[in-house]
C-alpha atoms as a PDB file:
ATOM      1  CA  MET A   1      11.942 -14.352   3.564  1.00  0.00           C
ATOM      2  CA  THR A   2      12.157 -14.792   7.545  1.00  0.00           C
ATOM      3  CA  MET A   3      13.666 -12.758   9.827  1.00  0.00           C
ATOM      4  CA  THR A   4      15.815 -13.812  13.059  1.00  0.00           C
ATOM      5  CA  PRO A   5      14.565 -13.099  16.122  1.00  0.00           C
ATOM      6  CA  GLU A   6      17.266 -10.264  16.472  1.00  0.00           C
ATOM      7  CA  GLN A   7      16.566  -8.464  13.242  1.00  0.00           C
ATOM      8  CA  LEU A   8      12.807  -8.730  14.001  1.00  0.00           C
ATOM      9  CA  GLU A   9      13.092  -6.757  17.319  1.00  0.00           C
ATOM     10  CA  LYS A  10      15.623  -4.422  15.687  1.00  0.00           C
ATOM     11  CA  ARG A  11      12.769  -3.560  13.192  1.00  0.00           C
ATOM     12  CA  LYS A  12      10.073  -3.484  15.369  1.00  0.00           C
ATOM     13  CA  LYS A  13      12.035  -1.135  17.288  1.00  0.00           C
ATOM     14  CA  ALA A  14      12.708   1.179  14.402  1.00  0.00           C
ATOM     15  CA  LEU A  15       9.025   1.171  13.357  1.00  0.00           C
ATOM     16  CA  ALA A  16       7.792   2.313  16.766  1.00  0.00           C
ATOM     17  CA  SER A  17       9.704   5.268  16.284  1.00  0.00           C
ATOM     18  CA  PRO A  18       7.472   8.761  15.591  1.00  0.00           C
ATOM     19  CA  ALA A  19      10.232   9.558  13.254  1.00  0.00           C
ATOM     20  CA  THR A  20       9.460   6.301  10.940  1.00  0.00           C
ATOM     21  CA  VAL A  21       5.642   7.419  10.700  1.00  0.00           C
ATOM     22  CA  LYS A  22       6.852  11.171   9.647  1.00  0.00           C
ATOM     23  CA  VAL A  23       9.294   9.782   7.054  1.00  0.00           C
ATOM     24  CA  ILE A  24       6.778   7.661   5.726  1.00  0.00           C
ATOM     25  CA  LYS A  25       4.172  10.358   5.204  1.00  0.00           C
ATOM     26  CA  TYR A  26       6.644  12.871   3.803  1.00  0.00           C
ATOM     27  CA  MET A  27       8.109  10.313   1.394  1.00  0.00           C
ATOM     28  CA  ALA A  28       4.451   9.616   0.339  1.00  0.00           C
ATOM     29  CA  LYS A  29       3.658  13.134  -0.069  1.00  0.00           C
ATOM     30  CA  ALA A  30       6.648  13.343  -2.179  1.00  0.00           C
ATOM     31  CA  GLN A  31       6.058  10.797  -4.522  1.00  0.00           C
ATOM     32  CA  VAL A  32       2.387  11.717  -5.187  1.00  0.00           C
ATOM     33  CA  LYS A  33       3.799  15.306  -6.253  1.00  0.00           C
ATOM     34  CA  VAL A  34       6.338  14.029  -8.456  1.00  0.00           C
ATOM     35  CA  PHE A  35       4.153  11.203  -9.859  1.00  0.00           C
ATOM     36  CA  THR A  36       1.520  13.930 -10.533  1.00  0.00           C
ATOM     37  CA  LEU A  37       3.855  16.316 -12.085  1.00  0.00           C
ATOM     38  CA  THR A  38       5.255  13.929 -14.539  1.00  0.00           C
ATOM     39  CA  GLY A  39       2.350  11.917 -15.308  1.00  0.00           C
ATOM     40  CA  GLY A  40       3.618   8.784 -13.717  1.00  0.00           C
ATOM     41  CA  ARG A  41       6.916   8.861 -15.735  1.00  0.00           C
ATOM     42  CA  ILE A  42       8.718   9.193 -12.331  1.00  0.00           C
ATOM     43  CA  GLY A  43       7.202   7.521  -9.451  1.00  0.00           C
ATOM     44  CA  SER A  44       5.230   4.928 -10.957  1.00  0.00           C
ATOM     45  CA  LYS A  45       7.801   2.286  -9.902  1.00  0.00           C
ATOM     46  CA  TRP A  46       8.661   1.260  -6.351  1.00  0.00           C
ATOM     47  CA  ARG A  47      12.530   1.042  -6.400  1.00  0.00           C
ATOM     48  CA  ILE A  48      13.229   0.738  -2.365  1.00  0.00           C
ATOM     49  CA  GLY A  49      13.506  -2.570  -0.249  1.00  0.00           C
ATOM     50  CA  ALA A  50      12.646  -5.626  -2.432  1.00  0.00           C
ATOM     51  CA  GLY A  51      11.768  -3.284  -5.144  1.00  0.00           C
ATOM     52  CA  PHE A  52      15.362  -2.284  -5.730  1.00  0.00           C
ATOM     53  CA  ARG A  53      16.303  -5.493  -7.967  1.00  0.00           C
ATOM     54  CA  LYS A  54      12.310  -6.042  -9.062  1.00  0.00           C
ATOM     55  CA  PRO A  55      10.855  -2.644  -9.493  1.00  0.00           C
ATOM     56  CA  VAL A  56       7.215  -2.787  -8.197  1.00  0.00           C
ATOM     57  CA  PRO A  57       4.275  -0.769 -10.106  1.00  0.00           C
ATOM     58  CA  THR A  58       2.621   1.969  -8.007  1.00  0.00           C
ATOM     59  CA  LEU A  59      -0.644   3.899  -8.446  1.00  0.00           C
ATOM     60  CA  LEU A  60      -2.230   7.040  -6.687  1.00  0.00           C
ATOM     61  CA  LEU A  61      -5.359   6.125  -4.520  1.00  0.00           C
ATOM     62  CA  ASP A  62      -7.872   8.907  -3.970  1.00  0.00           C
ATOM     63  CA  HIS A  63      -9.773   8.692  -0.677  1.00  0.00           C
ATOM     64  CA  VAL A  64     -11.771  10.927   1.343  1.00  0.00           C
ATOM     65  CA  GLY A  65     -11.276  11.284   5.390  1.00  0.00           C
ATOM     66  CA  ARG A  66     -13.973   9.509   6.914  1.00  0.00           C
ATOM     67  CA  LYS A  67     -14.023  12.310   9.659  1.00  0.00           C
ATOM     68  CA  SER A  68     -12.639  15.291   8.084  1.00  0.00           C
ATOM     69  CA  GLY A  69     -14.167  14.875   4.640  1.00  0.00           C
ATOM     70  CA  THR A  70     -10.763  15.850   3.226  1.00  0.00           C
ATOM     71  CA  ARG A  71      -9.529  14.331   0.027  1.00  0.00           C
ATOM     72  CA  PHE A  72      -6.223  12.600  -0.108  1.00  0.00           C
ATOM     73  CA  ARG A  73      -4.011  10.934  -2.583  1.00  0.00           C
ATOM     74  CA  THR A  74      -1.878   7.989  -1.567  1.00  0.00           C
ATOM     75  CA  PRO A  75       0.987   6.101  -3.390  1.00  0.00           C
ATOM     76  CA  LEU A  76       0.520   2.217  -3.345  1.00  0.00           C
ATOM     77  CA  LEU A  77       2.069  -0.597  -4.823  1.00  0.00           C
ATOM     78  CA  TYR A  78      -0.305  -2.697  -6.848  1.00  0.00           C
ATOM     79  CA  LEU A  79      -1.066  -6.262  -8.121  1.00  0.00           C
ATOM     80  CA  LEU A  80      -3.059  -6.546 -11.438  1.00  0.00           C
ATOM     81  CA  ASP A  81      -5.658  -9.627 -10.739  1.00  0.00           C
ATOM     82  CA  GLY A  82      -7.426  -9.950 -14.165  1.00  0.00           C
ATOM     83  CA  ALA A  83      -9.473  -6.574 -14.226  1.00  0.00           C
ATOM     84  CA  ASP A  84      -9.108  -5.913 -10.323  1.00  0.00           C
ATOM     85  CA  VAL A  85      -6.429  -4.083  -8.865  1.00  0.00           C
ATOM     86  CA  VAL A  86      -5.003  -5.449  -5.427  1.00  0.00           C
ATOM     87  CA  VAL A  87      -3.328  -3.221  -2.843  1.00  0.00           C
ATOM     88  CA  VAL A  88      -2.013  -3.889   0.482  1.00  0.00           C
ATOM     89  CA  ALA A  89      -2.687  -1.743   3.891  1.00  0.00           C
ATOM     90  CA  SER A  90       0.845  -2.614   5.028  1.00  0.00           C
ATOM     91  CA  GLN A  91       2.238   0.613   6.320  1.00  0.00           C
ATOM     92  CA  GLY A  92       5.526  -1.120   6.249  1.00  0.00           C
ATOM     93  CA  GLY A  93       4.473  -3.375   9.151  1.00  0.00           C
ATOM     94  CA  LEU A  94       3.644  -0.572  11.584  1.00  0.00           C
ATOM     95  CA  PRO A  95       1.296  -1.682  14.352  1.00  0.00           C
ATOM     96  CA  LYS A  96      -1.962   0.102  12.972  1.00  0.00           C
ATOM     97  CA  ASN A  97      -3.513   0.378   9.500  1.00  0.00           C
ATOM     98  CA  PRO A  98      -2.701   3.078   7.363  1.00  0.00           C
ATOM     99  CA  GLN A  99      -5.383   5.815   7.406  1.00  0.00           C
ATOM    100  CA  TRP A 100      -6.380   5.300   3.931  1.00  0.00           C
ATOM    101  CA  TYR A 101      -7.583   1.843   4.815  1.00  0.00           C
ATOM    102  CA  PRO A 102     -10.753   2.732   7.162  1.00  0.00           C
ATOM    103  CA  ASN A 103     -11.130   5.785   4.968  1.00  0.00           C
ATOM    104  CA  LEU A 104     -11.755   3.186   1.968  1.00  0.00           C
ATOM    105  CA  VAL A 105     -13.931   1.081   4.052  1.00  0.00           C
ATOM    106  CA  ALA A 106     -16.133   4.116   4.991  1.00  0.00           C
ATOM    107  CA  SER A 107     -16.217   5.368   1.374  1.00  0.00           C
ATOM    108  CA  PRO A 108     -15.392   2.401  -1.075  1.00  0.00           C
ATOM    109  CA  ASP A 109     -16.203   3.976  -4.412  1.00  0.00           C
ATOM    110  CA  THR A 110     -13.059   6.010  -5.319  1.00  0.00           C
ATOM    111  CA  THR A 111     -10.701   6.317  -8.014  1.00  0.00           C
ATOM    112  CA  ILE A 112      -7.038   5.369  -8.884  1.00  0.00           C
ATOM    113  CA  GLN A 113      -4.793   6.675 -11.294  1.00  0.00           C
ATOM    114  CA  VAL A 114      -2.186   4.531 -13.023  1.00  0.00           C
ATOM    115  CA  ARG A 115       0.282   6.577 -14.806  1.00  0.00           C
ATOM    116  CA  THR A 116      -1.749   9.010 -16.643  1.00  0.00           C
ATOM    117  CA  GLU A 117      -5.101   6.744 -16.551  1.00  0.00           C
ATOM    118  CA  LYS A 118      -7.610   7.664 -13.820  1.00  0.00           C
ATOM    119  CA  ARG A 119     -10.133   4.744 -13.351  1.00  0.00           C
ATOM    120  CA  PRO A 120     -13.198   4.666 -11.343  1.00  0.00           C
ATOM    121  CA  VAL A 121     -13.336   1.670  -8.740  1.00  0.00           C
ATOM    122  CA  ARG A 122     -15.053   0.104  -5.638  1.00  0.00           C
ATOM    123  CA  ALA A 123     -12.884  -1.136  -2.936  1.00  0.00           C
ATOM    124  CA  HIS A 124     -13.657  -4.343  -0.726  1.00  0.00           C
ATOM    125  CA  THR A 125     -11.336  -5.999   1.875  1.00  0.00           C
ATOM    126  CA  ALA A 126     -10.406  -9.446   0.472  1.00  0.00           C
ATOM    127  CA  SER A 127     -12.313 -12.252   2.162  1.00  0.00           C
ATOM    128  CA  PRO A 128     -10.189 -15.038   4.008  1.00  0.00           C
ATOM    129  CA  GLU A 129     -10.523 -16.849   0.679  1.00  0.00           C
ATOM    130  CA  GLU A 130      -9.374 -14.033  -1.435  1.00  0.00           C
ATOM    131  CA  ARG A 131      -6.558 -13.130   0.776  1.00  0.00           C
ATOM    132  CA  ALA A 132      -5.202 -16.817   0.802  1.00  0.00           C
ATOM    133  CA  ARG A 133      -5.003 -16.710  -2.934  1.00  0.00           C
ATOM    134  CA  LEU A 134      -3.683 -13.090  -3.389  1.00  0.00           C
ATOM    135  CA  TRP A 135      -1.276 -13.123  -0.574  1.00  0.00           C
ATOM    136  CA  PRO A 136       1.529 -15.347  -1.899  1.00  0.00           C
ATOM    137  CA  LEU A 137       1.151 -13.298  -5.235  1.00  0.00           C
ATOM    138  CA  LEU A 138       1.763 -10.113  -3.613  1.00  0.00           C
ATOM    139  CA  VAL A 139       4.707 -11.576  -1.688  1.00  0.00           C
ATOM    140  CA  GLU A 140       6.211 -12.369  -5.150  1.00  0.00           C
ATOM    141  CA  LEU A 141       5.479  -8.987  -6.303  1.00  0.00           C
ATOM    142  CA  TYR A 142       7.040  -7.348  -3.500  1.00  0.00           C
ATOM    143  CA  ALA A 143       9.052  -9.757  -0.713  1.00  0.00           C
ATOM    144  CA  ASP A 144       8.900  -7.152   1.781  1.00  0.00           C
ATOM    145  CA  PHE A 145       5.176  -7.571   2.393  1.00  0.00           C
ATOM    146  CA  ALA A 146       6.118 -10.958   4.183  1.00  0.00           C
ATOM    147  CA  VAL A 147       8.547  -8.935   6.415  1.00  0.00           C
ATOM    148  CA  TYR A 148       5.894  -6.395   7.222  1.00  0.00           C
ATOM    149  CA  GLN A 149       3.657  -9.333   8.095  1.00  0.00           C
ATOM    150  CA  GLU A 150       6.284 -10.651  10.532  1.00  0.00           C
ATOM    151  CA  CYS A 151       6.756  -7.367  12.154  1.00  0.00           C
ATOM    152  CA  THR A 152       2.973  -6.542  13.042  1.00  0.00           C
ATOM    153  CA  ASP A 153       0.507  -8.320  15.324  1.00  0.00           C
ATOM    154  CA  ARG A 154      -2.335  -7.505  12.994  1.00  0.00           C
ATOM    155  CA  GLU A 155      -3.362  -9.306   9.802  1.00  0.00           C
ATOM    156  CA  ILE A 156      -2.509  -6.800   7.089  1.00  0.00           C
ATOM    157  CA  PRO A 157      -5.416  -6.197   4.922  1.00  0.00           C
ATOM    158  CA  VAL A 158      -5.524  -6.884   1.150  1.00  0.00           C
ATOM    159  CA  VAL A 159      -7.854  -4.393  -0.515  1.00  0.00           C
ATOM    160  CA  VAL A 160      -9.519  -5.247  -4.111  1.00  0.00           C
ATOM    161  CA  LEU A 161     -10.096  -2.395  -6.269  1.00  0.00           C
ATOM    162  CA  GLU A 162     -12.879  -3.656  -8.640  1.00  0.00           C
ATOM    163  CA  PRO A 163     -13.647  -1.545 -11.914  1.00  0.00           C
ATOM    164  CA  ARG A 164     -16.895   0.271 -11.706  1.00  0.00           C
END
């Protein structure tokens, strides 16, 4: 899915707004609360954007602030790749990586929650070869990932969560 230059500029301008970051933050907090309260019955499928017609599975990622030591939970779309779970540090195409990404790089041993099941995992950023294989699968899962990549100059990290 390619955007026209006008659509791309409009999207980048919207992403540059501080309000966008706040909306993403508060939507994520609300989703974590609802997901946790309902054991994933509500909040385990993303139905926004490309997910409206083709809902995408969502998990909760636990991570620890690399500076603060504070524990966080973040909802993320995911792809199953054999025994591995794959997530994307897209943050909607914002210019910076989401905070969970450097936190995970600093402390890769963590847990995820898929519906009611908690799983211990170890995270690593996909190698260029892994990313080349996984990116088309991720775009097939959620077409907006391609739009997000168009909106930013950074290469959006793909993170592989291996069972431990």
